[in-house]
Amino acid sequence: MSTLSGKHQFGELDEKRVTFVEKGISKERADFLQSLLKHNGFEVLIAEDKKKTEDDPTFYTVGVTDMVFNPTIWIFQRRLFTLDGRRVTQDFWDQKTTETIPQYYESKL
């Protein structure tokens, strides 16, 4: 399932206005997004989500201070780059693959 929604959500993290990139994600996913987005020149903020009980798993919210950033638009306009300079695809963003083949779909013909 894709993490891209197309909706532009914004709010506050650490008393700064942010565009939310993803909410309710694992530490590993938050670290991946932070690394990728910082490499692309964004100021990234990560906040630990509040737990209902102490036994609940820990989740995180990732945001960027660029109020017009929308991951869906940036990915499909091919404006994000991997750490080694390749263009980010939807499957790379979703961590389904480390490949960044330019096609968004494969022809089975």
C-alpha atoms as a PDB file:
ATOM      1  CA  MET A   1       0.000   0.000   0.000  1.00  0.00           C
ATOM      2  CA  SER A   2       1.312   3.416  -0.935  1.00  0.00           C
ATOM      3  CA  THR A   3       2.050   6.019   1.707  1.00  0.00           C
ATOM      4  CA  LEU A   4       1.282   8.847  -0.735  1.00  0.00           C
ATOM      5  CA  SER A   5      -2.130  10.428  -0.299  1.00  0.00           C
ATOM      6  CA  GLY A   6      -2.022  13.593  -2.377  1.00  0.00           C
ATOM      7  CA  LYS A   7      -3.476  15.605   0.491  1.00  0.00           C
ATOM      8  CA  HIS A   8      -1.516  18.570   1.736  1.00  0.00           C
ATOM      9  CA  GLN A   9      -1.621  18.434   5.530  1.00  0.00           C
ATOM     10  CA  PHE A  10       0.041  20.974   7.758  1.00  0.00           C
ATOM     11  CA  GLY A  11       0.280  21.877  11.403  1.00  0.00           C
ATOM     12  CA  GLU A  12       2.957  22.272  14.090  1.00  0.00           C
ATOM     13  CA  LEU A  13       5.879  20.216  15.354  1.00  0.00           C
ATOM     14  CA  ASP A  14       8.155  21.585  18.061  1.00  0.00           C
ATOM     15  CA  GLU A  15       6.329  24.937  17.826  1.00  0.00           C
ATOM     16  CA  LYS A  16       7.218  25.306  14.122  1.00  0.00           C
ATOM     17  CA  ARG A  17       4.763  25.331  11.231  1.00  0.00           C
ATOM     18  CA  VAL A  18       5.293  22.265   9.054  1.00  0.00           C
ATOM     19  CA  THR A  19       3.881  20.315   6.191  1.00  0.00           C
ATOM     20  CA  PHE A  20       3.287  16.800   7.485  1.00  0.00           C
ATOM     21  CA  VAL A  21       5.054  14.197   5.393  1.00  0.00           C
ATOM     22  CA  GLU A  22       3.864  11.084   7.248  1.00  0.00           C
ATOM     23  CA  LYS A  23       2.261  10.331  10.600  1.00  0.00           C
ATOM     24  CA  GLY A  24       2.171   7.201  12.746  1.00  0.00           C
ATOM     25  CA  ILE A  25       5.313   5.633  11.301  1.00  0.00           C
ATOM     26  CA  SER A  26       8.158   3.546  12.692  1.00  0.00           C
ATOM     27  CA  LYS A  27      11.507   4.963  13.764  1.00  0.00           C
ATOM     28  CA  GLU A  28      13.166   3.239  10.786  1.00  0.00           C
ATOM     29  CA  ARG A  29      10.720   4.854   8.343  1.00  0.00           C
ATOM     30  CA  ALA A  30      11.159   8.260  10.008  1.00  0.00           C
ATOM     31  CA  ASP A  31      14.953   7.941   9.744  1.00  0.00           C
ATOM     32  CA  PHE A  32      14.691   6.977   6.051  1.00  0.00           C
ATOM     33  CA  LEU A  33      12.487   9.984   5.276  1.00  0.00           C
ATOM     34  CA  GLN A  34      14.665  12.337   7.304  1.00  0.00           C
ATOM     35  CA  SER A  35      17.799  11.255   5.453  1.00  0.00           C
ATOM     36  CA  LEU A  36      16.136  11.506   2.039  1.00  0.00           C
ATOM     37  CA  LEU A  37      14.465  14.855   2.664  1.00  0.00           C
ATOM     38  CA  LYS A  38      17.530  16.471   4.263  1.00  0.00           C
ATOM     39  CA  HIS A  39      19.560  15.368   1.248  1.00  0.00           C
ATOM     40  CA  ASN A  40      17.020  17.231  -0.914  1.00  0.00           C
ATOM     41  CA  GLY A  41      17.454  20.444   1.079  1.00  0.00           C
ATOM     42  CA  PHE A  42      14.493  20.325   3.465  1.00  0.00           C
ATOM     43  CA  GLU A  43      14.527  21.154   7.164  1.00  0.00           C
ATOM     44  CA  VAL A  44      13.008  18.024   8.708  1.00  0.00           C
ATOM     45  CA  LEU A  45      11.348  17.722  12.104  1.00  0.00           C
ATOM     46  CA  ILE A  46      10.444  14.432  13.765  1.00  0.00           C
ATOM     47  CA  ALA A  47       8.198  14.127  16.797  1.00  0.00           C
ATOM     48  CA  GLU A  48       7.271  11.084  18.831  1.00  0.00           C
ATOM     49  CA  ASP A  49       3.508  10.501  18.752  1.00  0.00           C
ATOM     50  CA  LYS A  50       1.661  10.406  22.063  1.00  0.00           C
ATOM     51  CA  LYS A  51       0.862   6.958  23.402  1.00  0.00           C
ATOM     52  CA  LYS A  52      -2.509   6.047  24.869  1.00  0.00           C
ATOM     53  CA  THR A  53      -0.824   3.598  27.254  1.00  0.00           C
ATOM     54  CA  GLU A  54       2.796   2.983  28.174  1.00  0.00           C
ATOM     55  CA  ASP A  55       2.644  -0.457  26.516  1.00  0.00           C
ATOM     56  CA  ASP A  56       1.639   0.919  23.098  1.00  0.00           C
ATOM     57  CA  PRO A  57       4.319   0.891  20.381  1.00  0.00           C
ATOM     58  CA  THR A  58       6.125   4.139  19.640  1.00  0.00           C
ATOM     59  CA  PHE A  59       5.263   5.911  16.400  1.00  0.00           C
ATOM     60  CA  TYR A  60       6.563   9.124  14.868  1.00  0.00           C
ATOM     61  CA  THR A  61       5.408  12.065  12.765  1.00  0.00           C
ATOM     62  CA  VAL A  62       7.687  13.598  10.137  1.00  0.00           C
ATOM     63  CA  GLY A  63       7.273  17.136   8.844  1.00  0.00           C
ATOM     64  CA  VAL A  64       9.206  19.678   6.804  1.00  0.00           C
ATOM     65  CA  THR A  65       9.255  23.443   7.311  1.00  0.00           C
ATOM     66  CA  ASP A  66       8.587  24.071   3.599  1.00  0.00           C
ATOM     67  CA  MET A  67       4.860  24.843   3.696  1.00  0.00           C
ATOM     68  CA  VAL A  68       4.288  24.141  -0.006  1.00  0.00           C
ATOM     69  CA  PHE A  69       6.013  20.738  -0.075  1.00  0.00           C
ATOM     70  CA  ASN A  70       3.745  17.875  -1.139  1.00  0.00           C
ATOM     71  CA  PRO A  71       5.502  14.492  -1.465  1.00  0.00           C
ATOM     72  CA  THR A  72       3.094  13.238  -4.134  1.00  0.00           C
ATOM     73  CA  ILE A  73       3.762  16.207  -6.405  1.00  0.00           C
ATOM     74  CA  TRP A  74       7.527  16.135  -5.857  1.00  0.00           C
ATOM     75  CA  ILE A  75       7.758  12.398  -6.573  1.00  0.00           C
ATOM     76  CA  PHE A  76       5.634  12.433  -9.717  1.00  0.00           C
ATOM     77  CA  GLN A  77       7.395  15.558 -10.983  1.00  0.00           C
ATOM     78  CA  ARG A  78      10.634  13.637 -10.309  1.00  0.00           C
ATOM     79  CA  ARG A  79      12.075  16.456  -8.184  1.00  0.00           C
ATOM     80  CA  LEU A  80      13.446  14.300  -5.328  1.00  0.00           C
ATOM     81  CA  PHE A  81      16.809  12.561  -5.542  1.00  0.00           C
ATOM     82  CA  THR A  82      18.299   9.584  -3.727  1.00  0.00           C
ATOM     83  CA  LEU A  83      21.539   9.981  -1.797  1.00  0.00           C
ATOM     84  CA  ASP A  84      23.444   8.702  -4.840  1.00  0.00           C
ATOM     85  CA  GLY A  85      21.733  11.082  -7.285  1.00  0.00           C
ATOM     86  CA  ARG A  86      19.003   8.922  -8.833  1.00  0.00           C
ATOM     87  CA  ARG A  87      15.449  10.225  -9.115  1.00  0.00           C
ATOM     88  CA  VAL A  88      13.048   8.969  -6.442  1.00  0.00           C
ATOM     89  CA  THR A  89      10.145   6.846  -7.671  1.00  0.00           C
ATOM     90  CA  GLN A  90       6.980   5.983  -5.784  1.00  0.00           C
ATOM     91  CA  ASP A  91       8.224   2.450  -5.002  1.00  0.00           C
ATOM     92  CA  PHE A  92      11.539   3.831  -3.722  1.00  0.00           C
ATOM     93  CA  TRP A  93       9.659   6.353  -1.532  1.00  0.00           C
ATOM     94  CA  ASP A  94       7.476   3.535  -0.183  1.00  0.00           C
ATOM     95  CA  GLN A  95      10.625   1.463   0.466  1.00  0.00           C
ATOM     96  CA  LYS A  96       9.345  -1.373  -1.706  1.00  0.00           C
ATOM     97  CA  THR A  97      12.568  -1.377  -3.726  1.00  0.00           C
ATOM     98  CA  THR A  98      15.946   0.297  -3.913  1.00  0.00           C
ATOM     99  CA  GLU A  99      15.615   0.485  -7.701  1.00  0.00           C
ATOM    100  CA  THR A 100      14.684   3.789  -9.301  1.00  0.00           C
ATOM    101  CA  ILE A 101      13.690   2.732 -12.780  1.00  0.00           C
ATOM    102  CA  PRO A 102      12.057   5.757 -14.426  1.00  0.00           C
ATOM    103  CA  GLN A 103       8.840   3.970 -15.388  1.00  0.00           C
ATOM    104  CA  TYR A 104       5.919   4.060 -12.993  1.00  0.00           C
ATOM    105  CA  TYR A 105       4.522   0.854 -14.429  1.00  0.00           C
ATOM    106  CA  GLU A 106       5.759  -2.090 -16.461  1.00  0.00           C
ATOM    107  CA  SER A 107       4.234  -3.151 -19.730  1.00  0.00           C
ATOM    108  CA  LYS A 108       3.524  -6.871 -19.743  1.00  0.00           C
ATOM    109  CA  LEU A 109       3.145  -7.014 -23.555  1.00  0.00           C
END
